[in-house]
Protein backbone atom coordinates (compact mmCIF):
# COMPACT_ATOMS: atom_id res chain seq x y z
CA MET A 1 8.38 -5.74 12.89
CA THR A 2 10.48 -4.67 15.81
CA ARG A 3 9.22 -2.99 18.94
CA GLY A 4 10.80 0.32 17.92
CA VAL A 5 9.01 0.31 14.57
CA ALA A 6 5.71 -0.53 16.24
CA VAL A 7 6.17 2.32 18.74
CA ALA A 8 7.05 4.71 15.90
CA LEU A 9 3.95 3.69 13.91
CA VAL A 10 1.65 4.10 16.92
CA GLY A 11 3.30 7.41 17.83
CA TRP A 12 2.93 8.76 14.31
CA THR A 13 -0.72 7.67 14.21
CA ALA A 14 -1.43 9.41 17.52
CA LEU A 15 0.45 12.57 16.50
CA ALA A 16 -1.18 12.86 13.08
CA SER A 17 -4.66 12.08 14.43
CA GLY A 18 -4.27 14.61 17.23
CA TRP A 19 -3.12 17.26 14.79
CA PHE A 20 -6.10 16.52 12.55
CA VAL A 21 -8.57 16.83 15.43
CA LEU A 22 -7.03 20.12 16.59
CA VAL A 23 -6.85 21.68 13.13
CA TYR A 24 -9.97 20.32 11.43
CA GLY A 25 -12.19 19.40 14.38
CA GLY A 26 -15.30 21.37 15.31
CA GLN A 27 -15.89 23.25 12.09
CA VAL A 28 -19.19 25.13 12.01
CA HIS A 29 -20.79 25.94 8.68
CA GLY A 30 -21.47 29.61 8.04
CA CYS A 31 -25.02 29.05 6.84
CA LEU A 32 -27.53 28.02 9.47
CA GLY A 33 -31.12 27.29 8.72
CA PRO A 34 -33.68 24.49 8.60
CA LEU A 35 -32.55 20.89 8.30
CA SER A 36 -33.22 20.85 4.57
CA VAL A 37 -30.42 23.36 3.81
CA THR A 38 -27.65 21.62 1.90
CA PRO A 39 -24.04 22.79 1.62
CA GLU A 40 -24.67 23.54 -2.08
CA ALA A 41 -27.69 25.71 -1.25
CA CYS A 42 -25.69 27.49 1.44
CA ARG A 43 -22.82 28.25 -0.95
CA ALA A 44 -25.30 29.53 -3.53
CA ALA A 45 -26.99 31.76 -0.93
CA LEU A 46 -23.61 33.22 0.03
CA GLY A 47 -22.72 33.80 -3.63
CA LEU A 48 -19.88 31.26 -3.64
CA PRO A 49 -19.07 29.00 -6.59
CA PRO A 50 -19.88 25.29 -6.31
CA GLU A 51 -17.51 23.22 -4.22
CA THR A 52 -14.74 21.49 -6.17
CA ASP A 53 -13.41 17.98 -5.66
CA TRP A 54 -10.20 19.44 -4.18
CA GLU A 55 -12.21 21.42 -1.59
CA ARG A 56 -14.19 18.30 -0.66
CA PHE A 57 -10.93 16.36 -0.29
CA LEU A 58 -9.44 19.01 2.00
CA ALA A 59 -12.63 19.30 4.08
CA GLY A 60 -12.84 15.55 4.71
CA PRO A 61 -10.38 13.07 6.18
CA GLY A 62 -8.21 13.15 3.03
CA PRO A 63 -5.27 15.10 4.52
CA LEU A 64 -5.20 12.77 7.54
CA VAL A 65 -5.15 9.66 5.36
CA VAL A 66 -2.35 11.06 3.18
CA ALA A 67 -0.30 12.09 6.23
CA LEU A 68 -0.75 8.70 7.88
CA VAL A 69 0.18 6.70 4.78
CA VAL A 70 3.24 8.86 3.99
CA GLY A 71 4.42 8.60 7.60
CA TRP A 72 3.90 4.85 7.79
CA VAL A 73 5.74 4.26 4.52
CA ALA A 74 8.60 6.50 5.67
CA ILE A 75 8.91 4.69 9.02
CA VAL A 76 8.92 1.24 7.43
CA SER A 77 11.36 2.35 4.72
CA VAL A 78 13.82 3.81 7.22
CA ALA A 79 13.56 0.69 9.41
CA ARG A 80 14.32 -1.59 6.46
CA TRP A 81 17.19 0.64 5.31
CA ARG A 82 18.73 0.67 8.79
CA ARG A 83 18.43 -3.11 9.06
CA ARG A 84 20.22 -3.55 5.71
CA GLN A 85 22.95 -1.12 6.79
CA ARG A 86 23.63 -3.25 9.86
CA GLY A 87 23.98 -6.38 7.73
CA GLY A 88 20.59 -8.00 8.25
CA LEU A 89 18.52 -9.15 5.28
């Protein structure tokens, strides 16, 4: 791995992580109460349907993981393609 690829990987990780913290960080649930209140009980009290797997994925670190993996694969793929174009194997 060259220095440029390493810098690109670290830069992408910092950029994607920073974006995730700014967009998804500090979410406050709309239902406050005693410690025994669960997210399911809160959704039921608000009249919302149960949370789906897709909603759980989007609420957790799933988008960050997908963005990081796609970015890393793209960086490594472009680096290998450029090396082959210049004649290196």
